[in-house]
Amino acid sequence: MNFTLLIAIIVLAFIFDFINGFHDAANSIATVVSTKVLTPLQAVIWAAFFNFAAYAIFELHIVDTIAKVVDTGAINLQVILAGVIAAIIWNLITWYLGIPSSSSHTLVGGFAGAAISYAGWCVVHSDKIIKIASFIFLAPLIGMLLSYFLSIALLWIFKSFNPFRLKRWFKIGQLFSSALFSLGHGGNDAQKVMGIISATLLVYFKTTDPASIPHWAQITFVDGKIHAIPLWIVYGCYTAISAGTLIGGWKIVKTMGSKITKLSPFEGVAAEGAGAILLFGTEAFGIPVSTTHTITGAIMGVGLTKRVSAVRWGVTVNLLYAWILTIPVSMALAALIYWILKLINLG
């Protein structure tokens, strides 16, 4: 039974990663599509390629953070199963409704909610939850400030250039900025699922002599932090998120690309560039942030360089409600699912 659950969780985790790709595809491609630098098909292929290429760039800082959200020595596989199922359900609901919610917070909320239902709050590492939750507000704010000041800097640097020539240059520049953002998206979001699968292996083999753990499940720690995980997890997660990105998330593209503020290639470069800086920086510190929150804040920042009214604040307020609700709703949903699993003797 336990081995069957292990396989089921791994399969569902890859499915979640795939859903994450098409749910969050809009984060990578909305600006480059809305500025007509690339067609939607070209954009998803471009984003998917760089989603996968992230495997060669990033270390496993976020994997370590996600795997340690909950004390893996105090939970069972059914807890993780309930958390992943809840995350999949909430992601599909928000995708269907066209709500750009955070897949990151959905996964963390589901994992924590099921664990609390099983063993109480003491099993959750509150410091990690608080750090992740705080970036619901910090990621869009930092993204907004970065893109605002990057826009101002670019305007000052290129103030004497021919505007028609600049537009062509920024269209080319947006290819690079969207590629960098897609790298950050892949490196940040794929690692969250790697963290869940790593936690699953740690739970499954927690009573096994480390020397007896098979090679395909070995996780290496250095100074108490995850240093290496099996390559099938790494390649599997990057492949799943890239495949999901190829499917695309067209409802959310419309919200991200046009409803917040109208974008030009210059503004696309500033927004994606600022978003990429934030994603690369938070990954280095092992902080799993939402790419949705990041690019939304960055788009708001470039809108502010024109005028305050250029940003459609009503849309952003509605997005904020969805972001705040994601973790508690995911936690409650995961707790309910764990209760159902327990009721049918799977918990």
C-alpha atoms as a PDB file:
ATOM      1  CA  MET A   1       0.000   0.000   0.000  1.00  0.00           C
ATOM      2  CA  ASN A   2       2.732   2.490   0.968  1.00  0.00           C
ATOM      3  CA  PHE A   3       4.700   1.915  -2.252  1.00  0.00           C
ATOM      4  CA  THR A   4       1.505   2.399  -4.256  1.00  0.00           C
ATOM      5  CA  LEU A   5       0.899   5.685  -2.428  1.00  0.00           C
ATOM      6  CA  LEU A   6       4.492   6.719  -3.114  1.00  0.00           C
ATOM      7  CA  ILE A   7       4.027   6.186  -6.863  1.00  0.00           C
ATOM      8  CA  ALA A   8       0.612   7.903  -6.786  1.00  0.00           C
ATOM      9  CA  ILE A   9       2.047  10.989  -5.080  1.00  0.00           C
ATOM     10  CA  ILE A  10       4.966  11.213  -7.519  1.00  0.00           C
ATOM     11  CA  VAL A  11       2.622  10.927 -10.517  1.00  0.00           C
ATOM     12  CA  LEU A  12       0.242  13.530  -9.073  1.00  0.00           C
ATOM     13  CA  ALA A  13       3.172  15.835  -8.287  1.00  0.00           C
ATOM     14  CA  PHE A  14       4.250  15.711 -11.940  1.00  0.00           C
ATOM     15  CA  ILE A  15       0.640  16.380 -12.953  1.00  0.00           C
ATOM     16  CA  PHE A  16       0.586  19.392 -10.624  1.00  0.00           C
ATOM     17  CA  ASP A  17       3.843  20.600 -12.185  1.00  0.00           C
ATOM     18  CA  PHE A  18       2.282  20.280 -15.645  1.00  0.00           C
ATOM     19  CA  ILE A  19      -0.800  22.204 -14.490  1.00  0.00           C
ATOM     20  CA  ASN A  20       1.492  24.785 -12.921  1.00  0.00           C
ATOM     21  CA  GLY A  21       3.089  25.242 -16.336  1.00  0.00           C
ATOM     22  CA  PHE A  22      -0.106  26.008 -18.203  1.00  0.00           C
ATOM     23  CA  HIS A  23      -1.573  27.883 -15.200  1.00  0.00           C
ATOM     24  CA  ASP A  24       1.476  30.143 -14.974  1.00  0.00           C
ATOM     25  CA  ALA A  25       2.380  30.242 -18.676  1.00  0.00           C
ATOM     26  CA  ALA A  26       0.774  33.658 -18.811  1.00  0.00           C
ATOM     27  CA  ASN A  27       3.335  35.010 -16.358  1.00  0.00           C
ATOM     28  CA  SER A  28       6.108  34.313 -18.845  1.00  0.00           C
ATOM     29  CA  ILE A  29       4.348  35.186 -22.085  1.00  0.00           C
ATOM     30  CA  ALA A  30       1.619  37.745 -21.335  1.00  0.00           C
ATOM     31  CA  THR A  31       3.797  40.816 -21.841  1.00  0.00           C
ATOM     32  CA  VAL A  32       5.605  39.514 -24.942  1.00  0.00           C
ATOM     33  CA  VAL A  33       2.258  38.528 -26.514  1.00  0.00           C
ATOM     34  CA  SER A  34       0.451  41.747 -25.592  1.00  0.00           C
ATOM     35  CA  THR A  35       3.228  43.827 -27.190  1.00  0.00           C
ATOM     36  CA  LYS A  36       3.024  41.613 -30.334  1.00  0.00           C
ATOM     37  CA  VAL A  37       6.744  40.823 -30.206  1.00  0.00           C
ATOM     38  CA  LEU A  38       5.830  37.126 -30.507  1.00  0.00           C
ATOM     39  CA  THR A  39       2.674  35.299 -31.503  1.00  0.00           C
ATOM     40  CA  PRO A  40       1.086  33.191 -28.752  1.00  0.00           C
ATOM     41  CA  LEU A  41       2.474  29.971 -30.288  1.00  0.00           C
ATOM     42  CA  GLN A  42       5.972  31.395 -30.646  1.00  0.00           C
ATOM     43  CA  ALA A  43       5.805  32.747 -27.098  1.00  0.00           C
ATOM     44  CA  VAL A  44       4.863  29.455 -25.429  1.00  0.00           C
ATOM     45  CA  ILE A  45       7.613  27.598 -27.316  1.00  0.00           C
ATOM     46  CA  TRP A  46      10.121  30.289 -26.290  1.00  0.00           C
ATOM     47  CA  ALA A  47       8.999  30.207 -22.652  1.00  0.00           C
ATOM     48  CA  ALA A  48       8.907  26.399 -22.475  1.00  0.00           C
ATOM     49  CA  PHE A  49      12.466  26.127 -23.786  1.00  0.00           C
ATOM     50  CA  PHE A  50      13.812  28.468 -21.125  1.00  0.00           C
ATOM     51  CA  ASN A  51      11.658  26.858 -18.424  1.00  0.00           C
ATOM     52  CA  PHE A  52      13.558  23.639 -19.087  1.00  0.00           C
ATOM     53  CA  ALA A  53      16.948  25.326 -19.535  1.00  0.00           C
ATOM     54  CA  ALA A  54      16.710  26.539 -15.926  1.00  0.00           C
ATOM     55  CA  TYR A  55      17.851  23.090 -14.744  1.00  0.00           C
ATOM     56  CA  ALA A  56      21.427  23.989 -15.749  1.00  0.00           C
ATOM     57  CA  ILE A  57      21.472  27.272 -13.821  1.00  0.00           C
ATOM     58  CA  PHE A  58      19.840  27.036 -10.408  1.00  0.00           C
ATOM     59  CA  GLU A  59      20.912  25.213  -7.274  1.00  0.00           C
ATOM     60  CA  LEU A  60      18.390  23.471  -4.993  1.00  0.00           C
ATOM     61  CA  HIS A  61      17.746  26.248  -2.459  1.00  0.00           C
ATOM     62  CA  ILE A  62      13.974  26.271  -2.961  1.00  0.00           C
ATOM     63  CA  VAL A  63      13.817  22.462  -2.956  1.00  0.00           C
ATOM     64  CA  ASP A  64      15.297  22.552   0.547  1.00  0.00           C
ATOM     65  CA  THR A  65      12.810  25.192   1.741  1.00  0.00           C
ATOM     66  CA  ILE A  66       9.703  23.408   0.431  1.00  0.00           C
ATOM     67  CA  ALA A  67      10.811  19.968   1.665  1.00  0.00           C
ATOM     68  CA  LYS A  68      11.153  21.422   5.165  1.00  0.00           C
ATOM     69  CA  VAL A  69       7.861  23.326   5.394  1.00  0.00           C
ATOM     70  CA  VAL A  70       6.615  20.362   7.436  1.00  0.00           C
ATOM     71  CA  ASP A  71       8.544  18.006   9.733  1.00  0.00           C
ATOM     72  CA  THR A  72       8.831  14.978   7.454  1.00  0.00           C
ATOM     73  CA  GLY A  73       9.624  12.767  10.427  1.00  0.00           C
ATOM     74  CA  ALA A  74       6.187  13.410  11.923  1.00  0.00           C
ATOM     75  CA  ILE A  75       3.850  12.890   8.940  1.00  0.00           C
ATOM     76  CA  ASN A  76       2.847  10.053   6.636  1.00  0.00           C
ATOM     77  CA  LEU A  77       2.378   9.700   2.875  1.00  0.00           C
ATOM     78  CA  GLN A  78      -1.360  10.285   3.108  1.00  0.00           C
ATOM     79  CA  VAL A  79      -0.673  13.825   4.331  1.00  0.00           C
ATOM     80  CA  ILE A  80       1.361  14.628   1.230  1.00  0.00           C
ATOM     81  CA  LEU A  81      -1.220  12.938  -1.005  1.00  0.00           C
ATOM     82  CA  ALA A  82      -4.000  15.130   0.426  1.00  0.00           C
ATOM     83  CA  GLY A  83      -1.878  18.254   0.022  1.00  0.00           C
ATOM     84  CA  VAL A  84      -1.047  17.566  -3.630  1.00  0.00           C
ATOM     85  CA  ILE A  85      -4.666  16.705  -4.489  1.00  0.00           C
ATOM     86  CA  ALA A  86      -5.847  19.952  -2.867  1.00  0.00           C
ATOM     87  CA  ALA A  87      -3.235  21.951  -4.772  1.00  0.00           C
ATOM     88  CA  ILE A  88      -4.299  20.404  -8.085  1.00  0.00           C
ATOM     89  CA  ILE A  89      -7.993  21.113  -7.416  1.00  0.00           C
ATOM     90  CA  TRP A  90      -7.427  24.756  -6.454  1.00  0.00           C
ATOM     91  CA  ASN A  91      -5.100  25.345  -9.417  1.00  0.00           C
ATOM     92  CA  LEU A  92      -7.680  23.955 -11.831  1.00  0.00           C
ATOM     93  CA  ILE A  93     -10.456  26.057 -10.285  1.00  0.00           C
ATOM     94  CA  THR A  94      -8.458  29.297 -10.516  1.00  0.00           C
ATOM     95  CA  TRP A  95      -7.292  28.450 -14.049  1.00  0.00           C
ATOM     96  CA  TYR A  96     -10.883  27.785 -15.171  1.00  0.00           C
ATOM     97  CA  LEU A  97     -12.025  31.090 -13.670  1.00  0.00           C
ATOM     98  CA  GLY A  98      -9.053  32.950 -15.181  1.00  0.00           C
ATOM     99  CA  ILE A  99      -7.698  33.979 -11.766  1.00  0.00           C
ATOM    100  CA  PRO A 100      -3.888  34.357 -11.730  1.00  0.00           C
ATOM    101  CA  SER A 101      -3.394  32.863  -8.269  1.00  0.00           C
ATOM    102  CA  SER A 102      -0.129  31.492  -6.937  1.00  0.00           C
ATOM    103  CA  SER A 103       0.673  27.843  -7.622  1.00  0.00           C
ATOM    104  CA  SER A 104       3.462  28.177  -5.062  1.00  0.00           C
ATOM    105  CA  HIS A 105       1.165  29.186  -2.246  1.00  0.00           C
ATOM    106  CA  THR A 106      -1.400  26.612  -3.337  1.00  0.00           C
ATOM    107  CA  LEU A 107       1.173  23.835  -2.955  1.00  0.00           C
ATOM    108  CA  VAL A 108       2.547  25.127   0.351  1.00  0.00           C
ATOM    109  CA  GLY A 109      -0.946  25.688   1.747  1.00  0.00           C
ATOM    110  CA  GLY A 110      -2.074  22.206   0.764  1.00  0.00           C
ATOM    111  CA  PHE A 111       1.029  20.568   2.251  1.00  0.00           C
ATOM    112  CA  ALA A 112       0.711  22.488   5.529  1.00  0.00           C
ATOM    113  CA  GLY A 113      -3.082  22.128   5.810  1.00  0.00           C
ATOM    114  CA  ALA A 114      -3.019  18.346   5.481  1.00  0.00           C
ATOM    115  CA  ALA A 115      -0.142  18.110   7.984  1.00  0.00           C
ATOM    116  CA  ILE A 116      -1.994  20.233  10.536  1.00  0.00           C
ATOM    117  CA  SER A 117      -5.093  18.069  10.090  1.00  0.00           C
ATOM    118  CA  TYR A 118      -2.952  14.999  10.794  1.00  0.00           C
ATOM    119  CA  ALA A 119      -0.744  16.129  13.690  1.00  0.00           C
ATOM    120  CA  GLY A 120      -1.568  19.722  14.649  1.00  0.00           C
ATOM    121  CA  TRP A 121       0.266  23.000  14.064  1.00  0.00           C
ATOM    122  CA  CYS A 122       3.391  21.771  15.885  1.00  0.00           C
ATOM    123  CA  VAL A 123       4.359  19.700  12.843  1.00  0.00           C
ATOM    124  CA  VAL A 124       4.652  22.801  10.630  1.00  0.00           C
ATOM    125  CA  HIS A 125       7.793  24.929  10.572  1.00  0.00           C
ATOM    126  CA  SER A 126       6.100  28.277  11.172  1.00  0.00           C
ATOM    127  CA  ASP A 127       9.150  30.354  10.244  1.00  0.00           C
ATOM    128  CA  LYS A 128       9.122  28.980   6.707  1.00  0.00           C
ATOM    129  CA  ILE A 129       5.357  29.454   6.337  1.00  0.00           C
ATOM    130  CA  ILE A 130       5.598  33.050   7.574  1.00  0.00           C
ATOM    131  CA  LYS A 131       8.480  33.816   5.190  1.00  0.00           C
ATOM    132  CA  ILE A 132       6.599  32.352   2.226  1.00  0.00           C
ATOM    133  CA  ALA A 133       3.324  34.073   3.168  1.00  0.00           C
ATOM    134  CA  SER A 134       5.015  37.445   3.655  1.00  0.00           C
ATOM    135  CA  PHE A 135       6.009  37.455  -0.007  1.00  0.00           C
ATOM    136  CA  ILE A 136       2.326  37.536  -0.960  1.00  0.00           C
ATOM    137  CA  PHE A 137       2.767  41.248  -0.296  1.00  0.00           C
ATOM    138  CA  LEU A 138       6.531  41.679  -0.700  1.00  0.00           C
ATOM    139  CA  ALA A 139       6.886  40.061  -4.148  1.00  0.00           C
ATOM    140  CA  PRO A 140       4.465  42.402  -5.984  1.00  0.00           C
ATOM    141  CA  LEU A 141       5.726  45.409  -4.012  1.00  0.00           C
ATOM    142  CA  ILE A 142       9.394  44.692  -4.728  1.00  0.00           C
ATOM    143  CA  GLY A 143       8.545  43.815  -8.335  1.00  0.00           C
ATOM    144  CA  MET A 144       6.690  47.126  -8.699  1.00  0.00           C
ATOM    145  CA  LEU A 145       9.579  49.162  -7.248  1.00  0.00           C
ATOM    146  CA  LEU A 146      12.201  47.345  -9.324  1.00  0.00           C
ATOM    147  CA  SER A 147      10.294  47.832 -12.576  1.00  0.00           C
ATOM    148  CA  TYR A 148       9.522  51.483 -11.762  1.00  0.00           C
ATOM    149  CA  PHE A 149      13.156  52.371 -11.137  1.00  0.00           C
ATOM    150  CA  LEU A 150      14.362  50.219 -14.046  1.00  0.00           C
ATOM    151  CA  SER A 151      11.904  52.061 -16.316  1.00  0.00           C
ATOM    152  CA  ILE A 152      13.140  55.441 -15.077  1.00  0.00           C
ATOM    153  CA  ALA A 153      16.758  54.380 -15.597  1.00  0.00           C
ATOM    154  CA  LEU A 154      16.079  53.133 -19.146  1.00  0.00           C
ATOM    155  CA  LEU A 155      14.158  56.314 -20.009  1.00  0.00           C
ATOM    156  CA  TRP A 156      17.097  58.419 -18.814  1.00  0.00           C
ATOM    157  CA  ILE A 157      19.720  56.311 -20.639  1.00  0.00           C
ATOM    158  CA  PHE A 158      17.850  56.367 -23.958  1.00  0.00           C
ATOM    159  CA  LYS A 159      16.294  59.838 -23.734  1.00  0.00           C
ATOM    160  CA  SER A 160      18.205  61.191 -26.749  1.00  0.00           C
ATOM    161  CA  PHE A 161      17.711  58.163 -29.018  1.00  0.00           C
ATOM    162  CA  ASN A 162      15.378  57.981 -32.007  1.00  0.00           C
ATOM    163  CA  PRO A 163      12.055  56.635 -30.649  1.00  0.00           C
ATOM    164  CA  PHE A 164      11.274  54.583 -33.773  1.00  0.00           C
ATOM    165  CA  ARG A 165      14.659  52.871 -33.678  1.00  0.00           C
ATOM    166  CA  LEU A 166      14.308  52.359 -29.931  1.00  0.00           C
ATOM    167  CA  LYS A 167      11.013  50.556 -30.386  1.00  0.00           C
ATOM    168  CA  ARG A 168      12.696  48.060 -32.697  1.00  0.00           C
ATOM    169  CA  TRP A 169      15.563  47.588 -30.235  1.00  0.00           C
ATOM    170  CA  PHE A 170      13.214  47.039 -27.334  1.00  0.00           C
ATOM    171  CA  LYS A 171      11.291  44.446 -29.321  1.00  0.00           C
ATOM    172  CA  ILE A 172      14.548  42.519 -29.623  1.00  0.00           C
ATOM    173  CA  GLY A 173      15.337  43.257 -25.981  1.00  0.00           C
ATOM    174  CA  GLN A 174      12.020  41.800 -24.931  1.00  0.00           C
ATOM    175  CA  LEU A 175      13.048  38.428 -26.326  1.00  0.00           C
ATOM    176  CA  PHE A 176      15.939  38.430 -23.851  1.00  0.00           C
ATOM    177  CA  SER A 177      13.920  39.783 -20.919  1.00  0.00           C
ATOM    178  CA  SER A 178      11.134  37.242 -21.439  1.00  0.00           C
ATOM    179  CA  ALA A 179      13.770  34.488 -21.700  1.00  0.00           C
ATOM    180  CA  LEU A 180      15.292  35.580 -18.382  1.00  0.00           C
ATOM    181  CA  PHE A 181      11.873  35.658 -16.741  1.00  0.00           C
ATOM    182  CA  SER A 182      11.086  32.181 -18.097  1.00  0.00           C
ATOM    183  CA  LEU A 183      14.376  30.924 -16.665  1.00  0.00           C
ATOM    184  CA  GLY A 184      13.391  32.375 -13.289  1.00  0.00           C
ATOM    185  CA  HIS A 185       9.914  30.876 -13.593  1.00  0.00           C
ATOM    186  CA  GLY A 186      11.273  27.414 -14.363  1.00  0.00           C
ATOM    187  CA  GLY A 187      13.929  27.563 -11.664  1.00  0.00           C
ATOM    188  CA  ASN A 188      11.516  28.810  -9.040  1.00  0.00           C
ATOM    189  CA  ASP A 189       8.358  26.831  -9.730  1.00  0.00           C
ATOM    190  CA  ALA A 190       9.789  23.466 -10.839  1.00  0.00           C
ATOM    191  CA  GLN A 191      11.842  23.342  -7.649  1.00  0.00           C
ATOM    192  CA  LYS A 192       8.712  23.561  -5.521  1.00  0.00           C
ATOM    193  CA  VAL A 193       7.482  20.254  -6.916  1.00  0.00           C
ATOM    194  CA  MET A 194      10.973  18.791  -6.548  1.00  0.00           C
ATOM    195  CA  GLY A 195      10.708  19.766  -2.886  1.00  0.00           C
ATOM    196  CA  ILE A 196       7.397  17.926  -2.493  1.00  0.00           C
ATOM    197  CA  ILE A 197       8.736  14.778  -4.160  1.00  0.00           C
ATOM    198  CA  SER A 198      11.882  14.982  -2.021  1.00  0.00           C
ATOM    199  CA  ALA A 199       9.720  15.268   1.104  1.00  0.00           C
ATOM    200  CA  THR A 200       7.751  12.228  -0.084  1.00  0.00           C
ATOM    201  CA  LEU A 201      10.934  10.161  -0.377  1.00  0.00           C
ATOM    202  CA  LEU A 202      12.116  11.348   3.033  1.00  0.00           C
ATOM    203  CA  VAL A 203       8.809  10.241   4.587  1.00  0.00           C
ATOM    204  CA  TYR A 204       8.757   6.899   2.775  1.00  0.00           C
ATOM    205  CA  PHE A 205      12.329   5.994   3.759  1.00  0.00           C
ATOM    206  CA  LYS A 206      12.390   7.677   7.197  1.00  0.00           C
ATOM    207  CA  THR A 207      12.723   4.358   9.055  1.00  0.00           C
ATOM    208  CA  THR A 208      15.158   2.864   6.539  1.00  0.00           C
ATOM    209  CA  ASP A 209      18.893   2.599   7.168  1.00  0.00           C
ATOM    210  CA  PRO A 210      20.448   5.326   4.946  1.00  0.00           C
ATOM    211  CA  ALA A 211      22.882   2.771   3.541  1.00  0.00           C
ATOM    212  CA  SER A 212      19.937   0.655   2.367  1.00  0.00           C
ATOM    213  CA  ILE A 213      18.091   3.420   0.492  1.00  0.00           C
ATOM    214  CA  PRO A 214      18.163   2.635  -3.256  1.00  0.00           C
ATOM    215  CA  HIS A 215      20.150   4.914  -5.534  1.00  0.00           C
ATOM    216  CA  TRP A 216      17.019   6.217  -7.293  1.00  0.00           C
ATOM    217  CA  ALA A 217      15.751   7.648  -3.981  1.00  0.00           C
ATOM    218  CA  GLN A 218      18.945   8.992  -2.399  1.00  0.00           C
ATOM    219  CA  ILE A 219      18.937  12.617  -1.248  1.00  0.00           C
ATOM    220  CA  THR A 220      22.247  14.206  -0.293  1.00  0.00           C
ATOM    221  CA  PHE A 221      22.510  16.754   2.509  1.00  0.00           C
ATOM    222  CA  VAL A 222      25.382  19.183   3.083  1.00  0.00           C
ATOM    223  CA  ASP A 223      25.399  21.225   6.301  1.00  0.00           C
ATOM    224  CA  GLY A 224      21.813  20.133   6.932  1.00  0.00           C
ATOM    225  CA  LYS A 225      20.542  21.397   3.580  1.00  0.00           C
ATOM    226  CA  ILE A 226      19.493  19.423   0.517  1.00  0.00           C
ATOM    227  CA  HIS A 227      22.454  19.445  -1.861  1.00  0.00           C
ATOM    228  CA  ALA A 228      21.498  16.827  -4.460  1.00  0.00           C
ATOM    229  CA  ILE A 229      18.412  14.834  -5.415  1.00  0.00           C
ATOM    230  CA  PRO A 230      17.901  12.030  -7.968  1.00  0.00           C
ATOM    231  CA  LEU A 231      18.182  13.346 -11.522  1.00  0.00           C
ATOM    232  CA  TRP A 232      14.878  11.750 -12.566  1.00  0.00           C
ATOM    233  CA  ILE A 233      13.137  14.190 -10.218  1.00  0.00           C
ATOM    234  CA  VAL A 234      15.006  17.174 -11.660  1.00  0.00           C
ATOM    235  CA  TYR A 235      14.467  16.289 -15.321  1.00  0.00           C
ATOM    236  CA  GLY A 236      10.916  15.110 -14.682  1.00  0.00           C
ATOM    237  CA  CYS A 237       9.867  18.360 -13.014  1.00  0.00           C
ATOM    238  CA  TYR A 238      11.488  20.624 -15.607  1.00  0.00           C
ATOM    239  CA  THR A 239       9.965  18.560 -18.407  1.00  0.00           C
ATOM    240  CA  ALA A 240       6.495  18.663 -16.820  1.00  0.00           C
ATOM    241  CA  ILE A 241       6.458  22.426 -16.270  1.00  0.00           C
ATOM    242  CA  SER A 242       7.813  23.044 -19.777  1.00  0.00           C
ATOM    243  CA  ALA A 243       5.145  20.809 -21.314  1.00  0.00           C
ATOM    244  CA  GLY A 244       2.482  22.655 -19.331  1.00  0.00           C
ATOM    245  CA  THR A 245       3.791  25.986 -20.574  1.00  0.00           C
ATOM    246  CA  LEU A 246       3.436  24.721 -24.158  1.00  0.00           C
ATOM    247  CA  ILE A 247      -0.287  24.197 -23.493  1.00  0.00           C
ATOM    248  CA  GLY A 248      -0.589  27.814 -22.365  1.00  0.00           C
ATOM    249  CA  GLY A 249      -3.045  29.658 -20.162  1.00  0.00           C
ATOM    250  CA  TRP A 250      -4.929  31.965 -22.474  1.00  0.00           C
ATOM    251  CA  LYS A 251      -7.565  33.218 -20.027  1.00  0.00           C
ATOM    252  CA  ILE A 252      -4.877  34.461 -17.666  1.00  0.00           C
ATOM    253  CA  VAL A 253      -2.825  35.902 -20.528  1.00  0.00           C
ATOM    254  CA  LYS A 254      -5.645  38.360 -21.142  1.00  0.00           C
ATOM    255  CA  THR A 255      -5.684  39.504 -17.513  1.00  0.00           C
ATOM    256  CA  MET A 256      -1.902  39.788 -17.169  1.00  0.00           C
ATOM    257  CA  GLY A 257      -1.224  41.248 -20.605  1.00  0.00           C
ATOM    258  CA  SER A 258      -3.898  43.903 -20.987  1.00  0.00           C
ATOM    259  CA  LYS A 259      -6.232  44.360 -18.044  1.00  0.00           C
ATOM    260  CA  ILE A 260      -3.659  45.766 -15.588  1.00  0.00           C
ATOM    261  CA  THR A 261      -2.117  48.347 -17.915  1.00  0.00           C
ATOM    262  CA  LYS A 262      -1.440  48.707 -21.651  1.00  0.00           C
ATOM    263  CA  LEU A 263       2.126  47.682 -22.485  1.00  0.00           C
ATOM    264  CA  SER A 264       4.719  48.698 -25.093  1.00  0.00           C
ATOM    265  CA  PRO A 265       7.921  46.732 -25.884  1.00  0.00           C
ATOM    266  CA  PHE A 266       9.888  49.143 -23.666  1.00  0.00           C
ATOM    267  CA  GLU A 267       7.532  48.500 -20.770  1.00  0.00           C
ATOM    268  CA  GLY A 268       7.638  44.772 -21.462  1.00  0.00           C
ATOM    269  CA  VAL A 269      11.430  44.798 -21.137  1.00  0.00           C
ATOM    270  CA  ALA A 270      11.243  46.746 -17.874  1.00  0.00           C
ATOM    271  CA  ALA A 271       8.542  44.510 -16.371  1.00  0.00           C
ATOM    272  CA  GLU A 272      10.145  41.207 -17.381  1.00  0.00           C
ATOM    273  CA  GLY A 273      13.626  42.429 -16.495  1.00  0.00           C
ATOM    274  CA  ALA A 274      12.522  43.485 -13.030  1.00  0.00           C
ATOM    275  CA  GLY A 275      10.606  40.225 -12.556  1.00  0.00           C
ATOM    276  CA  ALA A 276      13.658  38.189 -13.567  1.00  0.00           C
ATOM    277  CA  ILE A 277      15.901  40.097 -11.131  1.00  0.00           C
ATOM    278  CA  LEU A 278      13.491  39.353  -8.283  1.00  0.00           C
ATOM    279  CA  LEU A 279      13.117  35.652  -9.175  1.00  0.00           C
ATOM    280  CA  PHE A 280      16.870  35.123  -9.482  1.00  0.00           C
ATOM    281  CA  GLY A 281      17.452  36.943  -6.189  1.00  0.00           C
ATOM    282  CA  THR A 282      14.819  35.104  -4.166  1.00  0.00           C
ATOM    283  CA  GLU A 283      15.943  31.747  -5.568  1.00  0.00           C
ATOM    284  CA  ALA A 284      19.480  32.447  -4.349  1.00  0.00           C
ATOM    285  CA  PHE A 285      18.085  32.903  -0.827  1.00  0.00           C
ATOM    286  CA  GLY A 286      15.793  29.880  -1.060  1.00  0.00           C
ATOM    287  CA  ILE A 287      12.601  31.967  -0.916  1.00  0.00           C
ATOM    288  CA  PRO A 288       9.807  30.406  -3.007  1.00  0.00           C
ATOM    289  CA  VAL A 289       7.912  33.383  -4.426  1.00  0.00           C
ATOM    290  CA  SER A 290       4.988  33.504  -6.790  1.00  0.00           C
ATOM    291  CA  THR A 291       5.845  34.325 -10.394  1.00  0.00           C
ATOM    292  CA  THR A 292       2.251  35.573 -10.682  1.00  0.00           C
ATOM    293  CA  HIS A 293       2.732  38.097  -7.891  1.00  0.00           C
ATOM    294  CA  THR A 294       6.146  39.081  -9.229  1.00  0.00           C
ATOM    295  CA  ILE A 295       5.110  39.910 -12.800  1.00  0.00           C
ATOM    296  CA  THR A 296       1.876  41.570 -11.680  1.00  0.00           C
ATOM    297  CA  GLY A 297       3.809  43.957  -9.441  1.00  0.00           C
ATOM    298  CA  ALA A 298       6.313  44.595 -12.226  1.00  0.00           C
ATOM    299  CA  ILE A 299       3.541  45.429 -14.706  1.00  0.00           C
ATOM    300  CA  MET A 300       2.062  47.838 -12.156  1.00  0.00           C
ATOM    301  CA  GLY A 301       5.480  49.494 -11.766  1.00  0.00           C
ATOM    302  CA  VAL A 302       5.834  50.289 -15.460  1.00  0.00           C
ATOM    303  CA  GLY A 303       2.263  51.599 -15.467  1.00  0.00           C
ATOM    304  CA  LEU A 304       3.174  54.021 -12.680  1.00  0.00           C
ATOM    305  CA  THR A 305       5.895  55.618 -14.817  1.00  0.00           C
ATOM    306  CA  LYS A 306       3.132  56.996 -17.063  1.00  0.00           C
ATOM    307  CA  ARG A 307       0.693  58.082 -14.380  1.00  0.00           C
ATOM    308  CA  VAL A 308      -1.030  56.587 -11.357  1.00  0.00           C
ATOM    309  CA  SER A 309      -4.317  56.243 -13.233  1.00  0.00           C
ATOM    310  CA  ALA A 310      -2.612  54.161 -15.938  1.00  0.00           C
ATOM    311  CA  VAL A 311      -2.798  51.195 -13.573  1.00  0.00           C
ATOM    312  CA  ARG A 312      -6.228  49.631 -13.268  1.00  0.00           C
ATOM    313  CA  TRP A 313      -6.221  49.427  -9.481  1.00  0.00           C
ATOM    314  CA  GLY A 314      -9.611  47.721  -9.331  1.00  0.00           C
ATOM    315  CA  VAL A 315      -8.185  44.714 -11.171  1.00  0.00           C
ATOM    316  CA  THR A 316      -5.141  44.564  -8.887  1.00  0.00           C
ATOM    317  CA  VAL A 317      -7.297  44.745  -5.751  1.00  0.00           C
ATOM    318  CA  ASN A 318      -9.345  41.778  -6.986  1.00  0.00           C
ATOM    319  CA  LEU A 319      -6.110  39.891  -7.659  1.00  0.00           C
ATOM    320  CA  LEU A 320      -4.901  40.679  -4.137  1.00  0.00           C
ATOM    321  CA  TYR A 321      -8.037  39.117  -2.646  1.00  0.00           C
ATOM    322  CA  ALA A 322      -7.341  35.903  -4.587  1.00  0.00           C
ATOM    323  CA  TRP A 323      -3.710  35.872  -3.468  1.00  0.00           C
ATOM    324  CA  ILE A 324      -4.559  36.339   0.218  1.00  0.00           C
ATOM    325  CA  LEU A 325      -7.188  33.604   0.096  1.00  0.00           C
ATOM    326  CA  THR A 326      -4.984  31.038  -1.671  1.00  0.00           C
ATOM    327  CA  ILE A 327      -3.052  29.694   1.332  1.00  0.00           C
ATOM    328  CA  PRO A 328      -5.983  29.436   3.793  1.00  0.00           C
ATOM    329  CA  VAL A 329      -8.328  27.982   1.149  1.00  0.00           C
ATOM    330  CA  SER A 330      -5.690  25.448   0.104  1.00  0.00           C
ATOM    331  CA  MET A 331      -5.076  24.538   3.746  1.00  0.00           C
ATOM    332  CA  ALA A 332      -8.775  24.014   4.418  1.00  0.00           C
ATOM    333  CA  LEU A 333      -9.256  22.025   1.220  1.00  0.00           C
ATOM    334  CA  ALA A 334      -6.273  19.788   2.024  1.00  0.00           C
ATOM    335  CA  ALA A 335      -7.546  19.205   5.563  1.00  0.00           C
ATOM    336  CA  LEU A 336     -10.938  18.184   4.163  1.00  0.00           C
ATOM    337  CA  ILE A 337      -9.337  15.835   1.639  1.00  0.00           C
ATOM    338  CA  TYR A 338      -7.167  14.249   4.341  1.00  0.00           C
ATOM    339  CA  TRP A 339     -10.297  13.698   6.429  1.00  0.00           C
ATOM    340  CA  ILE A 340     -11.975  12.000   3.453  1.00  0.00           C
ATOM    341  CA  LEU A 341      -8.917   9.801   2.873  1.00  0.00           C
ATOM    342  CA  LYS A 342      -8.966   8.851   6.534  1.00  0.00           C
ATOM    343  CA  LEU A 343     -12.665   8.064   6.313  1.00  0.00           C
ATOM    344  CA  ILE A 344     -12.066   5.590   3.483  1.00  0.00           C
ATOM    345  CA  ASN A 345      -9.106   4.073   5.364  1.00  0.00           C
ATOM    346  CA  LEU A 346      -6.365   5.739   3.334  1.00  0.00           C
ATOM    347  CA  GLY A 347      -5.367   8.028   6.176  1.00  0.00           C
END
